[in-house]
Amino acid sequence: MIPIITILILLTCVVLSFFILIQNPKGGGLSGTFGNMSSAVMGVKQSTDVMEKGTWTLIGVVGGLCVISVMFFQKPQGSEGGKSQPKAATQTSKSGK
């Protein structure tokens, strides 16, 4: 299950990178490019809102997938919550007598 979630995280990060790179840092973005044709193209004025909502949504998806992936990790065998001494250290202390 972890490899599937990892692939989903990577794909989401690629799409998120695309969304971020498309946006204009000064707020123009796609609406600035097509601003003169706003009457001809429907919804271009809303493109910055769509890109911003898409960015935040994808950030949430990446965060959610990261939290979900942690649930599938298993504890290492032999860990009982307390500090355990390495086997080599216990053997040398016994054989040192």
C-alpha atoms as a PDB file:
ATOM      1  CA  MET A   1       0.000   0.000   0.000  1.00  0.00           C
ATOM      2  CA  ILE A   2       2.895   2.356   0.723  1.00  0.00           C
ATOM      3  CA  PRO A   3       4.207   2.251  -2.886  1.00  0.00           C
ATOM      4  CA  ILE A   4       0.762   3.192  -4.209  1.00  0.00           C
ATOM      5  CA  ILE A   5       0.497   6.139  -1.810  1.00  0.00           C
ATOM      6  CA  THR A   6       4.053   7.197  -2.677  1.00  0.00           C
ATOM      7  CA  ILE A   7       3.210   7.215  -6.390  1.00  0.00           C
ATOM      8  CA  LEU A   8       0.063   9.252  -5.679  1.00  0.00           C
ATOM      9  CA  ILE A   9       2.106  11.758  -3.653  1.00  0.00           C
ATOM     10  CA  LEU A  10       4.648  12.100  -6.473  1.00  0.00           C
ATOM     11  CA  LEU A  11       1.957  12.592  -9.129  1.00  0.00           C
ATOM     12  CA  THR A  12       0.183  15.157  -6.978  1.00  0.00           C
ATOM     13  CA  CYS A  13       3.475  17.013  -6.465  1.00  0.00           C
ATOM     14  CA  VAL A  14       4.059  17.134 -10.232  1.00  0.00           C
ATOM     15  CA  VAL A  15       0.577  18.553 -10.828  1.00  0.00           C
ATOM     16  CA  LEU A  16       1.064  20.990  -7.951  1.00  0.00           C
ATOM     17  CA  SER A  17       4.342  22.160  -9.509  1.00  0.00           C
ATOM     18  CA  PHE A  18       2.506  22.750 -12.776  1.00  0.00           C
ATOM     19  CA  PHE A  19      -0.164  24.814 -11.017  1.00  0.00           C
ATOM     20  CA  ILE A  20       2.452  26.897  -9.226  1.00  0.00           C
ATOM     21  CA  LEU A  21       4.560  27.502 -12.331  1.00  0.00           C
ATOM     22  CA  ILE A  22       1.547  28.626 -14.382  1.00  0.00           C
ATOM     23  CA  GLN A  23       0.672  31.378 -11.921  1.00  0.00           C
ATOM     24  CA  ASN A  24       2.141  34.828 -12.398  1.00  0.00           C
ATOM     25  CA  PRO A  25       3.880  36.021  -9.238  1.00  0.00           C
ATOM     26  CA  LYS A  26       2.365  39.496  -9.664  1.00  0.00           C
ATOM     27  CA  GLY A  27      -1.198  38.231  -9.848  1.00  0.00           C
ATOM     28  CA  GLY A  28      -1.644  38.395 -13.626  1.00  0.00           C
ATOM     29  CA  GLY A  29      -1.396  34.714 -14.477  1.00  0.00           C
ATOM     30  CA  LEU A  30      -3.717  33.425 -17.150  1.00  0.00           C
ATOM     31  CA  SER A  31      -6.219  36.207 -16.597  1.00  0.00           C
ATOM     32  CA  GLY A  32      -3.545  38.774 -17.453  1.00  0.00           C
ATOM     33  CA  THR A  33      -2.732  36.957 -20.676  1.00  0.00           C
ATOM     34  CA  PHE A  34      -6.337  36.681 -21.802  1.00  0.00           C
ATOM     35  CA  GLY A  35      -7.587  39.832 -20.093  1.00  0.00           C
ATOM     36  CA  ASN A  36      -8.295  41.627 -23.372  1.00  0.00           C
ATOM     37  CA  MET A  37     -10.525  38.834 -24.601  1.00  0.00           C
ATOM     38  CA  SER A  38     -12.618  38.525 -21.461  1.00  0.00           C
ATOM     39  CA  SER A  39     -15.847  39.017 -23.351  1.00  0.00           C
ATOM     40  CA  ALA A  40     -14.954  36.346 -25.912  1.00  0.00           C
ATOM     41  CA  VAL A  41     -13.667  33.695 -23.505  1.00  0.00           C
ATOM     42  CA  MET A  42     -15.978  32.780 -20.671  1.00  0.00           C
ATOM     43  CA  GLY A  43     -14.490  32.356 -17.208  1.00  0.00           C
ATOM     44  CA  VAL A  44     -11.031  33.787 -17.841  1.00  0.00           C
ATOM     45  CA  LYS A  45     -11.502  36.358 -15.098  1.00  0.00           C
ATOM     46  CA  GLN A  46     -11.947  33.450 -12.712  1.00  0.00           C
ATOM     47  CA  SER A  47      -8.736  31.665 -13.761  1.00  0.00           C
ATOM     48  CA  THR A  48      -6.677  33.052 -10.897  1.00  0.00           C
ATOM     49  CA  ASP A  49      -9.317  31.890  -8.425  1.00  0.00           C
ATOM     50  CA  VAL A  50      -9.342  28.435  -9.996  1.00  0.00           C
ATOM     51  CA  MET A  51      -5.558  28.219  -9.947  1.00  0.00           C
ATOM     52  CA  GLU A  52      -5.388  29.364  -6.334  1.00  0.00           C
ATOM     53  CA  LYS A  53      -8.107  26.948  -5.214  1.00  0.00           C
ATOM     54  CA  GLY A  54      -6.410  24.156  -7.150  1.00  0.00           C
ATOM     55  CA  THR A  55      -3.095  24.938  -5.504  1.00  0.00           C
ATOM     56  CA  TRP A  56      -4.547  24.867  -2.007  1.00  0.00           C
ATOM     57  CA  THR A  57      -6.529  21.718  -2.770  1.00  0.00           C
ATOM     58  CA  LEU A  58      -3.442  19.911  -4.035  1.00  0.00           C
ATOM     59  CA  ILE A  59      -1.462  21.031  -0.986  1.00  0.00           C
ATOM     60  CA  GLY A  60      -4.195  19.517   1.173  1.00  0.00           C
ATOM     61  CA  VAL A  61      -4.146  16.297  -0.840  1.00  0.00           C
ATOM     62  CA  VAL A  62      -0.365  15.955  -0.454  1.00  0.00           C
ATOM     63  CA  GLY A  63      -0.633  16.596   3.288  1.00  0.00           C
ATOM     64  CA  GLY A  64      -3.476  14.121   3.651  1.00  0.00           C
ATOM     65  CA  LEU A  65      -1.646  11.431   1.700  1.00  0.00           C
ATOM     66  CA  CYS A  66       1.439  11.943   3.869  1.00  0.00           C
ATOM     67  CA  VAL A  67      -0.619  11.505   7.032  1.00  0.00           C
ATOM     68  CA  ILE A  68      -2.329   8.410   5.595  1.00  0.00           C
ATOM     69  CA  SER A  69       1.005   6.896   4.565  1.00  0.00           C
ATOM     70  CA  VAL A  70       2.252   7.095   8.155  1.00  0.00           C
ATOM     71  CA  MET A  71      -0.628   4.867   9.249  1.00  0.00           C
ATOM     72  CA  PHE A  72       0.679   2.023   7.080  1.00  0.00           C
ATOM     73  CA  PHE A  73       4.210   1.976   8.505  1.00  0.00           C
ATOM     74  CA  GLN A  74       4.899  -0.884  10.860  1.00  0.00           C
ATOM     75  CA  LYS A  75       6.959  -0.724  14.018  1.00  0.00           C
ATOM     76  CA  PRO A  76      10.309  -2.492  13.825  1.00  0.00           C
ATOM     77  CA  GLN A  77      10.287  -5.961  15.332  1.00  0.00           C
ATOM     78  CA  GLY A  78      11.571  -6.180  18.857  1.00  0.00           C
ATOM     79  CA  SER A  79      10.682  -2.659  19.890  1.00  0.00           C
ATOM     80  CA  GLU A  80       8.523  -2.730  22.983  1.00  0.00           C
ATOM     81  CA  GLY A  81       8.537   0.945  23.748  1.00  0.00           C
ATOM     82  CA  GLY A  82      11.406   0.728  26.230  1.00  0.00           C
ATOM     83  CA  LYS A  83      15.093   1.019  25.552  1.00  0.00           C
ATOM     84  CA  SER A  84      16.591  -2.324  24.683  1.00  0.00           C
ATOM     85  CA  GLN A  85      20.280  -3.029  24.805  1.00  0.00           C
ATOM     86  CA  PRO A  86      21.970  -4.288  21.676  1.00  0.00           C
ATOM     87  CA  LYS A  87      22.672  -8.026  21.719  1.00  0.00           C
ATOM     88  CA  ALA A  88      26.393  -7.532  21.179  1.00  0.00           C
ATOM     89  CA  ALA A  89      26.668  -5.384  24.308  1.00  0.00           C
ATOM     90  CA  THR A  90      24.900  -7.926  26.485  1.00  0.00           C
ATOM     91  CA  GLN A  91      27.034 -10.800  25.234  1.00  0.00           C
ATOM     92  CA  THR A  92      30.326  -9.012  25.841  1.00  0.00           C
ATOM     93  CA  SER A  93      29.325  -8.095  29.365  1.00  0.00           C
ATOM     94  CA  LYS A  94      28.493 -11.720  30.164  1.00  0.00           C
ATOM     95  CA  SER A  95      31.628 -13.138  28.604  1.00  0.00           C
ATOM     96  CA  GLY A  96      33.843 -10.552  30.338  1.00  0.00           C
ATOM     97  CA  LYS A  97      33.644 -12.380  33.726  1.00  0.00           C
END
